[in-house]
PDB file of N, CA and C in Angstrom:
ATOM      1  N   MET A   1     149.132 -29.569  89.002  1.00  0.00           N
ATOM      2  CA  MET A   1     149.353 -30.059  87.650  1.00  0.00           C
ATOM      3  C   MET A   1     148.593 -31.387  87.496  1.00  0.00           C
ATOM      4  N   HIS A   2     148.005 -31.555  86.376  1.00  0.00           N
ATOM      5  CA  HIS A   2     147.232 -32.769  86.088  1.00  0.00           C
ATOM      6  C   HIS A   2     148.165 -33.984  86.029  1.00  0.00           C
ATOM      7  N   PRO A   3     147.769 -35.120  86.608  1.00  0.00           N
ATOM      8  CA  PRO A   3     148.630 -36.327  86.592  1.00  0.00           C
ATOM      9  C   PRO A   3     149.034 -36.783  85.193  1.00  0.00           C
ATOM     10  N   TRP A   4     148.166 -36.556  84.205  1.00  0.00           N
ATOM     11  CA  TRP A   4     148.521 -36.950  82.829  1.00  0.00           C
ATOM     12  C   TRP A   4     149.730 -36.180  82.328  1.00  0.00           C
ATOM     13  N   PHE A   5     149.880 -34.925  82.753  1.00  0.00           N
ATOM     14  CA  PHE A   5     151.026 -34.124  82.332  1.00  0.00           C
ATOM     15  C   PHE A   5     152.321 -34.751  82.831  1.00  0.00           C
ATOM     16  N   GLU A   6     152.312 -35.204  84.080  1.00  0.00           N
ATOM     17  CA  GLU A   6     153.487 -35.860  84.652  1.00  0.00           C
ATOM     18  C   GLU A   6     153.802 -37.161  83.918  1.00  0.00           C
ATOM     19  N   LEU A   7     152.764 -37.901  83.580  1.00  0.00           N
ATOM     20  CA  LEU A   7     152.956 -39.160  82.858  1.00  0.00           C
ATOM     21  C   LEU A   7     153.545 -38.903  81.473  1.00  0.00           C
ATOM     22  N   ILE A   8     153.025 -37.925  80.774  1.00  0.00           N
ATOM     23  CA  ILE A   8     153.557 -37.573  79.451  1.00  0.00           C
ATOM     24  C   ILE A   8     155.026 -37.184  79.567  1.00  0.00           C
ATOM     25  N   GLY A   9     155.348 -36.363  80.560  1.00  0.00           N
ATOM     26  CA  GLY A   9     156.740 -35.950  80.767  1.00  0.00           C
ATOM     27  C   GLY A   9     157.641 -37.127  81.095  1.00  0.00           C
ATOM     28  N   ALA A  10     157.153 -38.046  81.924  1.00  0.00           N
ATOM     29  CA  ALA A  10     157.954 -39.219  82.289  1.00  0.00           C
ATOM     30  C   ALA A  10     158.208 -40.112  81.083  1.00  0.00           C
ATOM     31  N   VAL A  11     157.188 -40.350  80.285  1.00  0.00           N
ATOM     32  CA  VAL A  11     157.349 -41.181  79.083  1.00  0.00           C
ATOM     33  C   VAL A  11     158.319 -40.510  78.109  1.00  0.00           C
ATOM     34  N   ALA A  12     158.181 -39.220  77.917  1.00  0.00           N
ATOM     35  CA  ALA A  12     159.095 -38.488  77.028  1.00  0.00           C
ATOM     36  C   ALA A  12     160.537 -38.583  77.533  1.00  0.00           C
ATOM     37  N   ALA A  13     160.721 -38.450  78.833  1.00  0.00           N
ATOM     38  CA  ALA A  13     162.065 -38.523  79.413  1.00  0.00           C
ATOM     39  C   ALA A  13     162.682 -39.896  79.194  1.00  0.00           C
ATOM     40  N   VAL A  14     161.923 -40.949  79.402  1.00  0.00           N
ATOM     41  CA  VAL A  14     162.433 -42.312  79.214  1.00  0.00           C
ATOM     42  C   VAL A  14     162.803 -42.545  77.749  1.00  0.00           C
ATOM     43  N   ILE A  15     161.929 -42.140  76.845  1.00  0.00           N
ATOM     44  CA  ILE A  15     162.182 -42.364  75.410  1.00  0.00           C
ATOM     45  C   ILE A  15     163.415 -41.597  74.952  1.00  0.00           C
ATOM     46  N   THR A  16     163.493 -40.298  75.268  1.00  0.00           N
ATOM     47  CA  THR A  16     164.616 -39.496  74.774  1.00  0.00           C
ATOM     48  C   THR A  16     165.932 -39.856  75.451  1.00  0.00           C
ATOM     49  N   THR A  17     165.872 -40.328  76.690  1.00  0.00           N
ATOM     50  CA  THR A  17     167.094 -40.735  77.374  1.00  0.00           C
ATOM     51  C   THR A  17     167.629 -42.041  76.810  1.00  0.00           C
ATOM     52  N   PHE A  18     166.779 -43.043  76.726  1.00  0.00           N
ATOM     53  CA  PHE A  18     167.246 -44.362  76.304  1.00  0.00           C
ATOM     54  C   PHE A  18     167.350 -44.517  74.789  1.00  0.00           C
ATOM     55  N   ALA A  19     166.960 -43.510  74.042  1.00  0.00           N
ATOM     56  CA  ALA A  19     167.135 -43.539  72.588  1.00  0.00           C
ATOM     57  C   ALA A  19     168.613 -43.570  72.206  1.00  0.00           C
ATOM     58  N   TRP A  20     169.486 -43.186  73.135  1.00  0.00           N
ATOM     59  CA  TRP A  20     170.919 -43.180  72.855  1.00  0.00           C
ATOM     60  C   TRP A  20     171.559 -44.559  72.957  1.00  0.00           C
ATOM     61  N   LEU A  21     170.921 -45.483  73.637  1.00  0.00           N
ATOM     62  CA  LEU A  21     171.527 -46.809  73.820  1.00  0.00           C
ATOM     63  C   LEU A  21     171.834 -47.546  72.517  1.00  0.00           C
ATOM     64  N   PRO A  22     170.932 -47.548  71.525  1.00  0.00           N
ATOM     65  CA  PRO A  22     171.303 -48.229  70.269  1.00  0.00           C
ATOM     66  C   PRO A  22     172.555 -47.639  69.612  1.00  0.00           C
ATOM     67  N   GLN A  23     172.717 -46.328  69.690  1.00  0.00           N
ATOM     68  CA  GLN A  23     173.907 -45.698  69.103  1.00  0.00           C
ATOM     69  C   GLN A  23     175.160 -46.119  69.857  1.00  0.00           C
ATOM     70  N   ILE A  24     175.080 -46.121  71.180  1.00  0.00           N
ATOM     71  CA  ILE A  24     176.216 -46.541  71.993  1.00  0.00           C
ATOM     72  C   ILE A  24     176.589 -47.994  71.688  1.00  0.00           C
ATOM     73  N   LEU A  25     175.598 -48.864  71.647  1.00  0.00           N
ATOM     74  CA  LEU A  25     175.855 -50.280  71.371  1.00  0.00           C
ATOM     75  C   LEU A  25     176.432 -50.489  69.978  1.00  0.00           C
ATOM     76  N   LYS A  26     175.951 -49.736  69.001  1.00  0.00           N
ATOM     77  CA  LYS A  26     176.461 -49.845  67.628  1.00  0.00           C
ATOM     78  C   LYS A  26     177.934 -49.441  67.562  1.00  0.00           C
ATOM     79  N   ILE A  27     178.276 -48.338  68.210  1.00  0.00           N
ATOM     80  CA  ILE A  27     179.669 -47.891  68.205  1.00  0.00           C
ATOM     81  C   ILE A  27     180.548 -48.920  68.900  1.00  0.00           C
ATOM     82  N   MET A  28     180.085 -49.449  70.026  1.00  0.00           N
ATOM     83  CA  MET A  28     180.875 -50.447  70.760  1.00  0.00           C
ATOM     84  C   MET A  28     181.064 -51.723  69.932  1.00  0.00           C
ATOM     85  N   ARG A  29     179.990 -52.152  69.271  1.00  0.00           N
ATOM     86  CA  ARG A  29     180.037 -53.383  68.485  1.00  0.00           C
ATOM     87  C   ARG A  29     180.955 -53.229  67.265  1.00  0.00           C
ATOM     88  N   GLU A  30     180.844 -52.104  66.559  1.00  0.00           N
ATOM     89  CA  GLU A  30     181.604 -51.905  65.322  1.00  0.00           C
ATOM     90  C   GLU A  30     182.985 -51.293  65.546  1.00  0.00           C
ATOM     91  N   ARG A  31     183.225 -50.766  66.724  1.00  0.00           N
ATOM     92  CA  ARG A  31     184.497 -50.117  67.039  1.00  0.00           C
ATOM     93  C   ARG A  31     184.867 -49.027  66.032  1.00  0.00           C
ATOM     94  N   GLN A  32     183.871 -48.294  65.608  1.00  0.00           N
ATOM     95  CA  GLN A  32     184.113 -47.150  64.714  1.00  0.00           C
ATOM     96  C   GLN A  32     183.016 -46.111  64.923  1.00  0.00           C
ATOM     97  N   ALA A  33     183.426 -44.842  64.814  1.00  0.00           N
ATOM     98  CA  ALA A  33     182.481 -43.748  65.038  1.00  0.00           C
ATOM     99  C   ALA A  33     182.740 -42.608  64.058  1.00  0.00           C
ATOM    100  N   ARG A  34     183.264 -42.937  62.898  1.00  0.00           N
ATOM    101  CA  ARG A  34     183.621 -41.876  61.950  1.00  0.00           C
ATOM    102  C   ARG A  34     182.402 -41.124  61.425  1.00  0.00           C
ATOM    103  N   ASP A  35     181.219 -41.744  61.460  1.00  0.00           N
ATOM    104  CA  ASP A  35     180.009 -41.073  60.972  1.00  0.00           C
ATOM    105  C   ASP A  35     179.361 -40.161  62.017  1.00  0.00           C
ATOM    106  N   ILE A  36     179.911 -40.139  63.216  1.00  0.00           N
ATOM    107  CA  ILE A  36     179.384 -39.293  64.283  1.00  0.00           C
ATOM    108  C   ILE A  36     180.080 -37.938  64.216  1.00  0.00           C
ATOM    109  N   SER A  37     179.323 -36.866  64.234  1.00  0.00           N
ATOM    110  CA  SER A  37     179.891 -35.528  64.239  1.00  0.00           C
ATOM    111  C   SER A  37     180.301 -35.151  65.661  1.00  0.00           C
ATOM    112  N   LEU A  38     181.597 -34.932  65.857  1.00  0.00           N
ATOM    113  CA  LEU A  38     182.094 -34.566  67.181  1.00  0.00           C
ATOM    114  C   LEU A  38     181.544 -33.210  67.615  1.00  0.00           C
ATOM    115  N   ALA A  39     181.513 -32.242  66.716  1.00  0.00           N
ATOM    116  CA  ALA A  39     181.028 -30.908  67.069  1.00  0.00           C
ATOM    117  C   ALA A  39     179.559 -30.939  67.487  1.00  0.00           C
ATOM    118  N   THR A  40     178.743 -31.648  66.729  1.00  0.00           N
ATOM    119  CA  THR A  40     177.319 -31.739  67.054  1.00  0.00           C
ATOM    120  C   THR A  40     177.103 -32.470  68.371  1.00  0.00           C
ATOM    121  N   THR A  41     177.791 -33.570  68.554  1.00  0.00           N
ATOM    122  CA  THR A  41     177.615 -34.361  69.767  1.00  0.00           C
ATOM    123  C   THR A  41     178.127 -33.601  70.989  1.00  0.00           C
ATOM    124  N   ALA A  42     179.237 -32.892  70.853  1.00  0.00           N
ATOM    125  CA  ALA A  42     179.759 -32.088  71.958  1.00  0.00           C
ATOM    126  C   ALA A  42     178.805 -30.941  72.292  1.00  0.00           C
ATOM    127  N   ALA A  43     178.249 -30.296  71.278  1.00  0.00           N
ATOM    128  CA  ALA A  43     177.284 -29.216  71.524  1.00  0.00           C
ATOM    129  C   ALA A  43     176.043 -29.750  72.225  1.00  0.00           C
ATOM    130  N   LEU A  44     175.582 -30.918  71.796  1.00  0.00           N
ATOM    131  CA  LEU A  44     174.429 -31.547  72.434  1.00  0.00           C
ATOM    132  C   LEU A  44     174.747 -31.888  73.885  1.00  0.00           C
ATOM    133  N   ALA A  45     175.940 -32.413  74.140  1.00  0.00           N
ATOM    134  CA  ALA A  45     176.350 -32.737  75.509  1.00  0.00           C
ATOM    135  C   ALA A  45     176.337 -31.485  76.383  1.00  0.00           C
ATOM    136  N   PHE A  46     176.825 -30.385  75.853  1.00  0.00           N
ATOM    137  CA  PHE A  46     176.836 -29.134  76.620  1.00  0.00           C
ATOM    138  C   PHE A  46     175.409 -28.657  76.905  1.00  0.00           C
ATOM    139  N   GLY A  47     174.547 -28.743  75.906  1.00  0.00           N
ATOM    140  CA  GLY A  47     173.152 -28.349  76.104  1.00  0.00           C
ATOM    141  C   GLY A  47     172.454 -29.212  77.137  1.00  0.00           C
ATOM    142  N   VAL A  48     172.677 -30.510  77.095  1.00  0.00           N
ATOM    143  CA  VAL A  48     172.062 -31.424  78.063  1.00  0.00           C
ATOM    144  C   VAL A  48     172.646 -31.177  79.459  1.00  0.00           C
ATOM    145  N   PHE A  49     173.942 -30.863  79.523  1.00  0.00           N
ATOM    146  CA  PHE A  49     174.540 -30.489  80.806  1.00  0.00           C
ATOM    147  C   PHE A  49     173.839 -29.267  81.386  1.00  0.00           C
ATOM    148  N   LEU A  50     173.557 -28.276  80.546  1.00  0.00           N
ATOM    149  CA  LEU A  50     172.857 -27.078  81.014  1.00  0.00           C
ATOM    150  C   LEU A  50     171.442 -27.410  81.481  1.00  0.00           C
ATOM    151  N   TRP A  51     170.753 -28.331  80.799  1.00  0.00           N
ATOM    152  CA  TRP A  51     169.431 -28.771  81.252  1.00  0.00           C
ATOM    153  C   TRP A  51     169.541 -29.428  82.631  1.00  0.00           C
ATOM    154  N   THR A  52     170.601 -30.217  82.837  1.00  0.00           N
ATOM    155  CA  THR A  52     170.812 -30.848  84.147  1.00  0.00           C
ATOM    156  C   THR A  52     171.036 -29.783  85.212  1.00  0.00           C
ATOM    157  N   LEU A  53     171.852 -28.795  84.904  1.00  0.00           N
ATOM    158  CA  LEU A  53     172.096 -27.687  85.829  1.00  0.00           C
ATOM    159  C   LEU A  53     170.794 -26.941  86.124  1.00  0.00           C
ATOM    160  N   TYR A  54     170.011 -26.690  85.109  1.00  0.00           N
ATOM    161  CA  TYR A  54     168.712 -26.044  85.276  1.00  0.00           C
ATOM    162  C   TYR A  54     167.833 -26.864  86.227  1.00  0.00           C
ATOM    163  N   GLY A  55     167.797 -28.174  86.030  1.00  0.00           N
ATOM    164  CA  GLY A  55     167.026 -29.046  86.913  1.00  0.00           C
ATOM    165  C   GLY A  55     167.485 -28.938  88.354  1.00  0.00           C
ATOM    166  N   LEU A  56     168.805 -28.872  88.556  1.00  0.00           N
ATOM    167  CA  LEU A  56     169.340 -28.696  89.904  1.00  0.00           C
ATOM    168  C   LEU A  56     168.901 -27.357  90.505  1.00  0.00           C
ATOM    169  N   LEU A  57     168.950 -26.317  89.700  1.00  0.00           N
ATOM    170  CA  LEU A  57     168.596 -24.980  90.188  1.00  0.00           C
ATOM    171  C   LEU A  57     167.124 -24.862  90.560  1.00  0.00           C
ATOM    172  N   ILE A  58     166.244 -25.542  89.825  1.00  0.00           N
ATOM    173  CA  ILE A  58     164.814 -25.459  90.130  1.00  0.00           C
ATOM    174  C   ILE A  58     164.354 -26.610  91.020  1.00  0.00           C
ATOM    175  N   GLY A  59     165.257 -27.548  91.314  1.00  0.00           N
ATOM    176  CA  GLY A  59     164.931 -28.667  92.196  1.00  0.00           C
ATOM    177  C   GLY A  59     163.972 -29.676  91.592  1.00  0.00           C
ATOM    178  N   SER A  60     164.089 -29.904  90.279  1.00  0.00           N
ATOM    179  CA  SER A  60     163.205 -30.846  89.598  1.00  0.00           C
ATOM    180  C   SER A  60     163.928 -32.169  89.367  1.00  0.00           C
ATOM    181  N   TRP A  61     163.601 -33.191  90.175  1.00  0.00           N
ATOM    182  CA  TRP A  61     164.255 -34.483  90.042  1.00  0.00           C
ATOM    183  C   TRP A  61     164.040 -35.134  88.689  1.00  0.00           C
ATOM    184  N   PRO A  62     162.862 -35.061  88.084  1.00  0.00           N
ATOM    185  CA  PRO A  62     162.720 -35.651  86.750  1.00  0.00           C
ATOM    186  C   PRO A  62     163.661 -35.014  85.716  1.00  0.00           C
ATOM    187  N   VAL A  63     163.806 -33.701  85.765  1.00  0.00           N
ATOM    188  CA  VAL A  63     164.699 -33.009  84.834  1.00  0.00           C
ATOM    189  C   VAL A  63     166.146 -33.388  85.129  1.00  0.00           C
ATOM    190  N   ILE A  64     166.500 -33.455  86.402  1.00  0.00           N
ATOM    191  CA  ILE A  64     167.868 -33.798  86.800  1.00  0.00           C
ATOM    192  C   ILE A  64     168.220 -35.217  86.359  1.00  0.00           C
ATOM    193  N   ILE A  65     167.369 -36.171  86.678  1.00  0.00           N
ATOM    194  CA  ILE A  65     167.663 -37.572  86.386  1.00  0.00           C
ATOM    195  C   ILE A  65     167.689 -37.842  84.887  1.00  0.00           C
ATOM    196  N   ALA A  66     166.667 -37.384  84.174  1.00  0.00           N
ATOM    197  CA  ALA A  66     166.603 -37.640  82.730  1.00  0.00           C
ATOM    198  C   ALA A  66     167.791 -37.018  82.005  1.00  0.00           C
ATOM    199  N   ASN A  67     168.079 -35.770  82.305  1.00  0.00           N
ATOM    200  CA  ASN A  67     169.166 -35.094  81.597  1.00  0.00           C
ATOM    201  C   ASN A  67     170.534 -35.522  82.107  1.00  0.00           C
ATOM    202  N   GLY A  68     170.642 -35.852  83.387  1.00  0.00           N
ATOM    203  CA  GLY A  68     171.914 -36.355  83.911  1.00  0.00           C
ATOM    204  C   GLY A  68     172.304 -37.664  83.253  1.00  0.00           C
ATOM    205  N   LEU A  69     171.343 -38.571  83.134  1.00  0.00           N
ATOM    206  CA  LEU A  69     171.606 -39.853  82.480  1.00  0.00           C
ATOM    207  C   LEU A  69     171.882 -39.667  80.989  1.00  0.00           C
ATOM    208  N   THR A  70     171.099 -38.804  80.348  1.00  0.00           N
ATOM    209  CA  THR A  70     171.337 -38.507  78.927  1.00  0.00           C
ATOM    210  C   THR A  70     172.734 -37.929  78.737  1.00  0.00           C
ATOM    211  N   PHE A  71     173.146 -37.036  79.626  1.00  0.00           N
ATOM    212  CA  PHE A  71     174.486 -36.449  79.559  1.00  0.00           C
ATOM    213  C   PHE A  71     175.559 -37.536  79.625  1.00  0.00           C
ATOM    214  N   LEU A  72     175.396 -38.490  80.529  1.00  0.00           N
ATOM    215  CA  LEU A  72     176.368 -39.584  80.635  1.00  0.00           C
ATOM    216  C   LEU A  72     176.425 -40.407  79.352  1.00  0.00           C
ATOM    217  N   PHE A  73     175.264 -40.687  78.764  1.00  0.00           N
ATOM    218  CA  PHE A  73     175.234 -41.441  77.513  1.00  0.00           C
ATOM    219  C   PHE A  73     175.942 -40.670  76.392  1.00  0.00           C
ATOM    220  N   ILE A  74     175.675 -39.383  76.303  1.00  0.00           N
ATOM    221  CA  ILE A  74     176.278 -38.584  75.227  1.00  0.00           C
ATOM    222  C   ILE A  74     177.781 -38.422  75.448  1.00  0.00           C
ATOM    223  N   ILE A  75     178.195 -38.268  76.697  1.00  0.00           N
ATOM    224  CA  ILE A  75     179.632 -38.200  76.985  1.00  0.00           C
ATOM    225  C   ILE A  75     180.308 -39.521  76.608  1.00  0.00           C
ATOM    226  N   ALA A  76     179.626 -40.638  76.823  1.00  0.00           N
ATOM    227  CA  ALA A  76     180.165 -41.935  76.396  1.00  0.00           C
ATOM    228  C   ALA A  76     180.360 -41.952  74.882  1.00  0.00           C
ATOM    229  N   ILE A  77     179.414 -41.407  74.152  1.00  0.00           N
ATOM    230  CA  ILE A  77     179.538 -41.345  72.684  1.00  0.00           C
ATOM    231  C   ILE A  77     180.704 -40.447  72.291  1.00  0.00           C
ATOM    232  N   VAL A  78     180.853 -39.303  72.957  1.00  0.00           N
ATOM    233  CA  VAL A  78     181.987 -38.413  72.669  1.00  0.00           C
ATOM    234  C   VAL A  78     183.298 -39.159  72.930  1.00  0.00           C
ATOM    235  N   GLY A  79     183.380 -39.871  74.052  1.00  0.00           N
ATOM    236  CA  GLY A  79     184.587 -40.627  74.366  1.00  0.00           C
ATOM    237  C   GLY A  79     184.892 -41.681  73.319  1.00  0.00           C
ATOM    238  N   MET A  80     183.865 -42.403  72.880  1.00  0.00           N
ATOM    239  CA  MET A  80     184.082 -43.417  71.848  1.00  0.00           C
ATOM    240  C   MET A  80     184.419 -42.793  70.508  1.00  0.00           C
ATOM    241  N   LYS A  81     183.867 -41.612  70.235  1.00  0.00           N
ATOM    242  CA  LYS A  81     184.225 -40.889  69.003  1.00  0.00           C
ATOM    243  C   LYS A  81     185.698 -40.550  69.029  1.00  0.00           C
ATOM    244  N   LEU A  82     186.179 -40.074  70.164  1.00  0.00           N
ATOM    245  CA  LEU A  82     187.601 -39.725  70.265  1.00  0.00           C
ATOM    246  C   LEU A  82     188.481 -40.973  70.183  1.00  0.00           C
ATOM    247  N   ARG A  83     188.017 -42.083  70.700  1.00  0.00           N
ATOM    248  CA  ARG A  83     188.799 -43.316  70.660  1.00  0.00           C
ATOM    249  C   ARG A  83     188.744 -44.018  69.311  1.00  0.00           C
ATOM    250  N   PHE A  84     187.536 -44.163  68.770  1.00  0.00           N
ATOM    251  CA  PHE A  84     187.342 -44.937  67.550  1.00  0.00           C
ATOM    252  C   PHE A  84     187.183 -44.077  66.301  1.00  0.00           C
ATOM    253  N   GLY A  85     187.111 -42.752  66.491  1.00  0.00           N
ATOM    254  CA  GLY A  85     186.867 -41.716  65.546  1.00  0.00           C
ATOM    255  C   GLY A  85     186.902 -41.944  64.142  1.00  0.00           C
TER     256      GLY A  85
END
């Protein structure tokens, strides 16, 4: 595989993973999450969990790490939705 492909994948993984931090910080700061859809966020969490499982099955550390961390961020949002809902 061409090195540029790996770089593109790494940059995409960093951007899509850490894109959740502003949402997490906003919910924590405002202590409210009524505008967050629980069904959508839970479905997304399940999908990202499956991507993590897929990464484990194929032995791809970039897929495992990016989606594992994203899963943790989304689960944090689900938890705050349930708390601050």
